[in-house]
Amino acid sequence: MTHPRLPRNTRTKSVRLGYAIEEADKLELERIAAKGGVSAAVFVELMVRNLPLTAEGLPEWMPTTSNEELPINPD
């Protein structure tokens, strides 16, 4: 099943993603995109644009490491 394409010249500087991910994750991404009626590329763009970020600019679900804590020395 093909998904609606974006109109020509919609993207001003398009690039191809070249990340290696697990096949199961790629298939899941494509399945979710298809349920939304968009291509995997459009889905990734929407995901990036709408991802809730913390004050540090990281996704809310991503674990953070705090540089403000002093290391504990077990002396």
PDB file of N, CA and C in Angstrom:
ATOM      1  N   MET A   1       0.843  -1.175   0.000  1.00  0.00           N
ATOM      2  CA  MET A   1       0.000   0.000   0.000  1.00  0.00           C
ATOM      3  C   MET A   1       0.887   1.236   0.000  1.00  0.00           C
ATOM      4  N   THR A   2       0.659   2.132  -0.930  1.00  0.00           N
ATOM      5  CA  THR A   2       1.434   3.366  -0.970  1.00  0.00           C
ATOM      6  C   THR A   2       0.730   4.433  -0.156  1.00  0.00           C
ATOM      7  N   HIS A   3       1.516   5.332   0.366  1.00  0.00           N
ATOM      8  CA  HIS A   3       0.992   6.403   1.202  1.00  0.00           C
ATOM      9  C   HIS A   3       1.059   7.705   0.430  1.00  0.00           C
ATOM     10  N   PRO A   4       0.182   8.635   0.778  1.00  0.00           N
ATOM     11  CA  PRO A   4       0.210   9.915   0.063  1.00  0.00           C
ATOM     12  C   PRO A   4       1.600  10.539   0.130  1.00  0.00           C
ATOM     13  N   ARG A   5       2.059  11.037  -0.990  1.00  0.00           N
ATOM     14  CA  ARG A   5       3.369  11.683  -1.048  1.00  0.00           C
ATOM     15  C   ARG A   5       3.206  13.154  -0.726  1.00  0.00           C
ATOM     16  N   LEU A   6       4.269  13.747  -0.223  1.00  0.00           N
ATOM     17  CA  LEU A   6       4.262  15.190  -0.008  1.00  0.00           C
ATOM     18  C   LEU A   6       4.300  15.878  -1.369  1.00  0.00           C
ATOM     19  N   PRO A   7       3.694  17.045  -1.474  1.00  0.00           N
ATOM     20  CA  PRO A   7       3.779  17.778  -2.747  1.00  0.00           C
ATOM     21  C   PRO A   7       5.233  18.087  -3.097  1.00  0.00           C
ATOM     22  N   ARG A   8       5.524  18.157  -4.384  1.00  0.00           N
ATOM     23  CA  ARG A   8       6.882  18.495  -4.839  1.00  0.00           C
ATOM     24  C   ARG A   8       7.354  19.792  -4.212  1.00  0.00           C
ATOM     25  N   ASN A   9       8.663  19.851  -3.954  1.00  0.00           N
ATOM     26  CA  ASN A   9       9.325  21.034  -3.385  1.00  0.00           C
ATOM     27  C   ASN A   9       8.825  21.402  -1.994  1.00  0.00           C
ATOM     28  N   THR A  10       8.205  20.446  -1.293  1.00  0.00           N
ATOM     29  CA  THR A  10       7.779  20.698   0.082  1.00  0.00           C
ATOM     30  C   THR A  10       9.001  20.793   0.992  1.00  0.00           C
ATOM     31  N   ARG A  11       9.945  19.898   0.773  1.00  0.00           N
ATOM     32  CA  ARG A  11      11.170  19.914   1.571  1.00  0.00           C
ATOM     33  C   ARG A  11      12.189  20.801   0.862  1.00  0.00           C
ATOM     34  N   THR A  12      12.869  21.632   1.644  1.00  0.00           N
ATOM     35  CA  THR A  12      13.854  22.526   1.035  1.00  0.00           C
ATOM     36  C   THR A  12      15.250  21.918   1.010  1.00  0.00           C
ATOM     37  N   LYS A  13      15.582  21.082   1.985  1.00  0.00           N
ATOM     38  CA  LYS A  13      16.905  20.435   2.043  1.00  0.00           C
ATOM     39  C   LYS A  13      16.725  19.000   2.520  1.00  0.00           C
ATOM     40  N   SER A  14      16.211  18.147   1.682  1.00  0.00           N
ATOM     41  CA  SER A  14      15.973  16.776   2.120  1.00  0.00           C
ATOM     42  C   SER A  14      17.277  15.982   2.126  1.00  0.00           C
ATOM     43  N   VAL A  15      17.375  15.070   3.070  1.00  0.00           N
ATOM     44  CA  VAL A  15      18.523  14.171   3.186  1.00  0.00           C
ATOM     45  C   VAL A  15      17.990  12.764   3.446  1.00  0.00           C
ATOM     46  N   ARG A  16      18.796  11.780   3.120  1.00  0.00           N
ATOM     47  CA  ARG A  16      18.443  10.390   3.418  1.00  0.00           C
ATOM     48  C   ARG A  16      19.069  10.008   4.746  1.00  0.00           C
ATOM     49  N   LEU A  17      18.287   9.339   5.576  1.00  0.00           N
ATOM     50  CA  LEU A  17      18.820   8.841   6.839  1.00  0.00           C
ATOM     51  C   LEU A  17      19.590   7.559   6.563  1.00  0.00           C
ATOM     52  N   GLY A  18      20.736   7.428   7.188  1.00  0.00           N
ATOM     53  CA  GLY A  18      21.550   6.243   6.973  1.00  0.00           C
ATOM     54  C   GLY A  18      21.886   5.539   8.270  1.00  0.00           C
ATOM     55  N   TYR A  19      20.904   5.454   9.179  1.00  0.00           N
ATOM     56  CA  TYR A  19      21.151   4.826  10.471  1.00  0.00           C
ATOM     57  C   TYR A  19      20.823   3.344  10.407  1.00  0.00           C
ATOM     58  N   ALA A  20      21.653   2.522  11.020  1.00  0.00           N
ATOM     59  CA  ALA A  20      21.374   1.094  11.103  1.00  0.00           C
ATOM     60  C   ALA A  20      20.584   0.839  12.382  1.00  0.00           C
ATOM     61  N   ILE A  21      19.387   0.279  12.227  1.00  0.00           N
ATOM     62  CA  ILE A  21      18.563  -0.075  13.385  1.00  0.00           C
ATOM     63  C   ILE A  21      18.101  -1.514  13.214  1.00  0.00           C
ATOM     64  N   GLU A  22      17.583  -2.087  14.273  1.00  0.00           N
ATOM     65  CA  GLU A  22      17.075  -3.452  14.208  1.00  0.00           C
ATOM     66  C   GLU A  22      15.922  -3.528  13.209  1.00  0.00           C
ATOM     67  N   GLU A  23      15.875  -4.613  12.469  1.00  0.00           N
ATOM     68  CA  GLU A  23      14.825  -4.772  11.464  1.00  0.00           C
ATOM     69  C   GLU A  23      13.436  -4.703  12.090  1.00  0.00           C
ATOM     70  N   ALA A  24      13.270  -5.305  13.255  1.00  0.00           N
ATOM     71  CA  ALA A  24      11.964  -5.289  13.924  1.00  0.00           C
ATOM     72  C   ALA A  24      11.528  -3.863  14.250  1.00  0.00           C
ATOM     73  N   ASP A  25      12.474  -3.011  14.644  1.00  0.00           N
ATOM     74  CA  ASP A  25      12.142  -1.616  14.948  1.00  0.00           C
ATOM     75  C   ASP A  25      11.756  -0.861  13.680  1.00  0.00           C
ATOM     76  N   LYS A  26      12.451  -1.136  12.587  1.00  0.00           N
ATOM     77  CA  LYS A  26      12.115  -0.500  11.303  1.00  0.00           C
ATOM     78  C   LYS A  26      10.715  -0.900  10.863  1.00  0.00           C
ATOM     79  N   LEU A  27      10.408  -2.184  10.982  1.00  0.00           N
ATOM     80  CA  LEU A  27       9.082  -2.659  10.598  1.00  0.00           C
ATOM     81  C   LEU A  27       8.002  -2.051  11.486  1.00  0.00           C
ATOM     82  N   GLU A  28       8.289  -1.897  12.756  1.00  0.00           N
ATOM     83  CA  GLU A  28       7.329  -1.274  13.677  1.00  0.00           C
ATOM     84  C   GLU A  28       7.114   0.188  13.321  1.00  0.00           C
ATOM     85  N   LEU A  29       8.180   0.898  13.005  1.00  0.00           N
ATOM     86  CA  LEU A  29       8.071   2.293  12.580  1.00  0.00           C
ATOM     87  C   LEU A  29       7.190   2.389  11.332  1.00  0.00           C
ATOM     88  N   GLU A  30       7.414   1.515  10.369  1.00  0.00           N
ATOM     89  CA  GLU A  30       6.620   1.519   9.142  1.00  0.00           C
ATOM     90  C   GLU A  30       5.163   1.155   9.409  1.00  0.00           C
ATOM     91  N   ARG A  31       4.927   0.233  10.346  1.00  0.00           N
ATOM     92  CA  ARG A  31       3.562  -0.161  10.695  1.00  0.00           C
ATOM     93  C   ARG A  31       2.812   1.009  11.315  1.00  0.00           C
ATOM     94  N   ILE A  32       3.466   1.709  12.252  1.00  0.00           N
ATOM     95  CA  ILE A  32       2.841   2.858  12.913  1.00  0.00           C
ATOM     96  C   ILE A  32       2.556   3.954  11.888  1.00  0.00           C
ATOM     97  N   ALA A  33       3.523   4.221  11.025  1.00  0.00           N
ATOM     98  CA  ALA A  33       3.341   5.248   9.995  1.00  0.00           C
ATOM     99  C   ALA A  33       2.163   4.897   9.093  1.00  0.00           C
ATOM    100  N   ALA A  34       2.080   3.640   8.688  1.00  0.00           N
ATOM    101  CA  ALA A  34       0.994   3.205   7.806  1.00  0.00           C
ATOM    102  C   ALA A  34      -0.360   3.377   8.482  1.00  0.00           C
ATOM    103  N   LYS A  35      -0.433   3.065   9.776  1.00  0.00           N
ATOM    104  CA  LYS A  35      -1.695   3.259  10.505  1.00  0.00           C
ATOM    105  C   LYS A  35      -2.091   4.724  10.522  1.00  0.00           C
ATOM    106  N   GLY A  36      -1.100   5.618  10.508  1.00  0.00           N
ATOM    107  CA  GLY A  36      -1.370   7.052  10.475  1.00  0.00           C
ATOM    108  C   GLY A  36      -1.570   7.589   9.069  1.00  0.00           C
ATOM    109  N   GLY A  37      -1.407   6.723   8.073  1.00  0.00           N
ATOM    110  CA  GLY A  37      -1.624   7.131   6.692  1.00  0.00           C
ATOM    111  C   GLY A  37      -0.511   7.974   6.103  1.00  0.00           C
ATOM    112  N   VAL A  38       0.706   7.816   6.652  1.00  0.00           N
ATOM    113  CA  VAL A  38       1.845   8.583   6.143  1.00  0.00           C
ATOM    114  C   VAL A  38       3.007   7.636   5.873  1.00  0.00           C
ATOM    115  N   SER A  39       4.006   8.129   5.171  1.00  0.00           N
ATOM    116  CA  SER A  39       5.212   7.340   4.925  1.00  0.00           C
ATOM    117  C   SER A  39       6.065   7.313   6.191  1.00  0.00           C
ATOM    118  N   ALA A  40       7.028   6.415   6.226  1.00  0.00           N
ATOM    119  CA  ALA A  40       7.942   6.351   7.366  1.00  0.00           C
ATOM    120  C   ALA A  40       8.725   7.650   7.504  1.00  0.00           C
ATOM    121  N   ALA A  41       9.094   8.265   6.380  1.00  0.00           N
ATOM    122  CA  ALA A  41       9.848   9.525   6.424  1.00  0.00           C
ATOM    123  C   ALA A  41       9.017  10.639   7.052  1.00  0.00           C
ATOM    124  N   VAL A  42       7.760  10.748   6.647  1.00  0.00           N
ATOM    125  CA  VAL A  42       6.886  11.776   7.219  1.00  0.00           C
ATOM    126  C   VAL A  42       6.666  11.496   8.698  1.00  0.00           C
ATOM    127  N   PHE A  43       6.511  10.226   9.059  1.00  0.00           N
ATOM    128  CA  PHE A  43       6.325   9.866  10.462  1.00  0.00           C
ATOM    129  C   PHE A  43       7.522  10.306  11.301  1.00  0.00           C
ATOM    130  N   VAL A  44       8.738  10.052  10.824  1.00  0.00           N
ATOM    131  CA  VAL A  44       9.941  10.453  11.566  1.00  0.00           C
ATOM    132  C   VAL A  44       9.982  11.971  11.711  1.00  0.00           C
ATOM    133  N   GLU A  45       9.666  12.701  10.647  1.00  0.00           N
ATOM    134  CA  GLU A  45       9.643  14.166  10.732  1.00  0.00           C
ATOM    135  C   GLU A  45       8.644  14.644  11.779  1.00  0.00           C
ATOM    136  N   LEU A  46       7.449  14.072  11.766  1.00  0.00           N
ATOM    137  CA  LEU A  46       6.427  14.464  12.742  1.00  0.00           C
ATOM    138  C   LEU A  46       6.856  14.110  14.161  1.00  0.00           C
ATOM    139  N   MET A  47       7.492  12.945  14.313  1.00  0.00           N
ATOM    140  CA  MET A  47       7.947  12.513  15.627  1.00  0.00           C
ATOM    141  C   MET A  47       8.989  13.489  16.177  1.00  0.00           C
ATOM    142  N   VAL A  48       9.944  13.881  15.355  1.00  0.00           N
ATOM    143  CA  VAL A  48      10.993  14.805  15.796  1.00  0.00           C
ATOM    144  C   VAL A  48      10.402  16.169  16.144  1.00  0.00           C
ATOM    145  N   ARG A  49       9.485  16.648  15.322  1.00  0.00           N
ATOM    146  CA  ARG A  49       8.896  17.976  15.537  1.00  0.00           C
ATOM    147  C   ARG A  49       7.992  18.040  16.760  1.00  0.00           C
ATOM    148  N   ASN A  50       7.442  16.898  17.172  1.00  0.00           N
ATOM    149  CA  ASN A  50       6.469  16.888  18.263  1.00  0.00           C
ATOM    150  C   ASN A  50       6.957  16.163  19.506  1.00  0.00           C
ATOM    151  N   LEU A  51       8.235  15.847  19.569  1.00  0.00           N
ATOM    152  CA  LEU A  51       8.800  15.118  20.701  1.00  0.00           C
ATOM    153  C   LEU A  51       8.916  16.033  21.914  1.00  0.00           C
ATOM    154  N   PRO A  52       8.227  15.709  23.024  1.00  0.00           N
ATOM    155  CA  PRO A  52       8.349  16.542  24.221  1.00  0.00           C
ATOM    156  C   PRO A  52       9.773  16.458  24.785  1.00  0.00           C
ATOM    157  N   LEU A  53      10.377  17.620  25.014  1.00  0.00           N
ATOM    158  CA  LEU A  53      11.754  17.683  25.508  1.00  0.00           C
ATOM    159  C   LEU A  53      11.803  18.281  26.909  1.00  0.00           C
ATOM    160  N   THR A  54      12.835  17.896  27.650  1.00  0.00           N
ATOM    161  CA  THR A  54      13.087  18.475  28.965  1.00  0.00           C
ATOM    162  C   THR A  54      13.777  19.823  28.784  1.00  0.00           C
ATOM    163  N   ALA A  55      14.034  20.503  29.891  1.00  0.00           N
ATOM    164  CA  ALA A  55      14.749  21.782  29.842  1.00  0.00           C
ATOM    165  C   ALA A  55      16.152  21.605  29.264  1.00  0.00           C
ATOM    166  N   GLU A  56      16.710  20.399  29.385  1.00  0.00           N
ATOM    167  CA  GLU A  56      18.051  20.115  28.854  1.00  0.00           C
ATOM    168  C   GLU A  56      18.015  19.788  27.364  1.00  0.00           C
ATOM    169  N   GLY A  57      16.813  19.714  26.775  1.00  0.00           N
ATOM    170  CA  GLY A  57      16.697  19.416  25.355  1.00  0.00           C
ATOM    171  C   GLY A  57      16.714  17.939  25.022  1.00  0.00           C
ATOM    172  N   LEU A  58      16.473  17.086  26.015  1.00  0.00           N
ATOM    173  CA  LEU A  58      16.424  15.641  25.796  1.00  0.00           C
ATOM    174  C   LEU A  58      14.982  15.161  25.837  1.00  0.00           C
ATOM    175  N   PRO A  59      14.672  14.050  25.163  1.00  0.00           N
ATOM    176  CA  PRO A  59      13.321  13.500  25.279  1.00  0.00           C
ATOM    177  C   PRO A  59      13.005  13.198  26.742  1.00  0.00           C
ATOM    178  N   GLU A  60      11.746  13.407  27.128  1.00  0.00           N
ATOM    179  CA  GLU A  60      11.352  13.211  28.524  1.00  0.00           C
ATOM    180  C   GLU A  60      11.622  11.799  29.020  1.00  0.00           C
ATOM    181  N   TRP A  61      11.568  10.812  28.149  1.00  0.00           N
ATOM    182  CA  TRP A  61      11.736   9.420  28.548  1.00  0.00           C
ATOM    183  C   TRP A  61      13.199   8.986  28.596  1.00  0.00           C
ATOM    184  N   MET A  62      14.128   9.814  28.113  1.00  0.00           N
ATOM    185  CA  MET A  62      15.539   9.430  28.064  1.00  0.00           C
ATOM    186  C   MET A  62      16.208   9.678  29.414  1.00  0.00           C
ATOM    187  N   PRO A  63      16.897   8.662  29.947  1.00  0.00           N
ATOM    188  CA  PRO A  63      17.600   8.869  31.216  1.00  0.00           C
ATOM    189  C   PRO A  63      18.684   9.935  31.067  1.00  0.00           C
ATOM    190  N   THR A  64      18.853  10.718  32.098  1.00  0.00           N
ATOM    191  CA  THR A  64      19.870  11.768  32.058  1.00  0.00           C
ATOM    192  C   THR A  64      20.966  11.460  33.064  1.00  0.00           C
ATOM    193  N   THR A  65      22.132  11.992  32.804  1.00  0.00           N
ATOM    194  CA  THR A  65      23.218  11.926  33.770  1.00  0.00           C
ATOM    195  C   THR A  65      23.461  13.347  34.228  1.00  0.00           C
ATOM    196  N   SER A  66      23.466  13.526  35.514  1.00  0.00           N
ATOM    197  CA  SER A  66      23.622  14.869  36.055  1.00  0.00           C
ATOM    198  C   SER A  66      25.092  15.176  36.275  1.00  0.00           C
ATOM    199  N   ASN A  67      25.542  16.289  35.732  1.00  0.00           N
ATOM    200  CA  ASN A  67      26.919  16.734  35.941  1.00  0.00           C
ATOM    201  C   ASN A  67      27.033  17.612  37.175  1.00  0.00           C
ATOM    202  N   GLU A  68      25.896  17.865  37.830  1.00  0.00           N
ATOM    203  CA  GLU A  68      25.910  18.725  39.006  1.00  0.00           C
ATOM    204  C   GLU A  68      26.264  17.961  40.276  1.00  0.00           C
ATOM    205  N   GLU A  69      26.167  16.646  40.247  1.00  0.00           N
ATOM    206  CA  GLU A  69      26.454  15.856  41.440  1.00  0.00           C
ATOM    207  C   GLU A  69      27.955  15.625  41.564  1.00  0.00           C
ATOM    208  N   LEU A  70      28.427  15.686  42.788  1.00  0.00           N
ATOM    209  CA  LEU A  70      29.833  15.394  43.049  1.00  0.00           C
ATOM    210  C   LEU A  70      30.018  13.883  43.124  1.00  0.00           C
ATOM    211  N   PRO A  71      31.136  13.372  42.646  1.00  0.00           N
ATOM    212  CA  PRO A  71      31.368  11.930  42.739  1.00  0.00           C
ATOM    213  C   PRO A  71      31.531  11.498  44.192  1.00  0.00           C
ATOM    214  N   ILE A  72      31.021  10.322  44.501  1.00  0.00           N
ATOM    215  CA  ILE A  72      31.151   9.787  45.861  1.00  0.00           C
ATOM    216  C   ILE A  72      32.450   9.005  45.924  1.00  0.00           C
ATOM    217  N   ASN A  73      33.307   9.377  46.889  1.00  0.00           N
ATOM    218  CA  ASN A  73      34.595   8.727  47.063  1.00  0.00           C
ATOM    219  C   ASN A  73      34.508   7.813  48.287  1.00  0.00           C
ATOM    220  N   PRO A  74      34.604   6.491  48.131  1.00  0.00           N
ATOM    221  CA  PRO A  74      34.420   5.573  49.267  1.00  0.00           C
ATOM    222  C   PRO A  74      35.642   5.443  50.183  1.00  0.00           C
ATOM    223  N   ASP A  75      36.453   6.471  50.317  1.00  0.00           N
ATOM    224  CA  ASP A  75      37.655   6.384  51.170  1.00  0.00           C
ATOM    225  C   ASP A  75      37.306   6.128  52.596  1.00  0.00           C
TER     226      ASP A  75
END
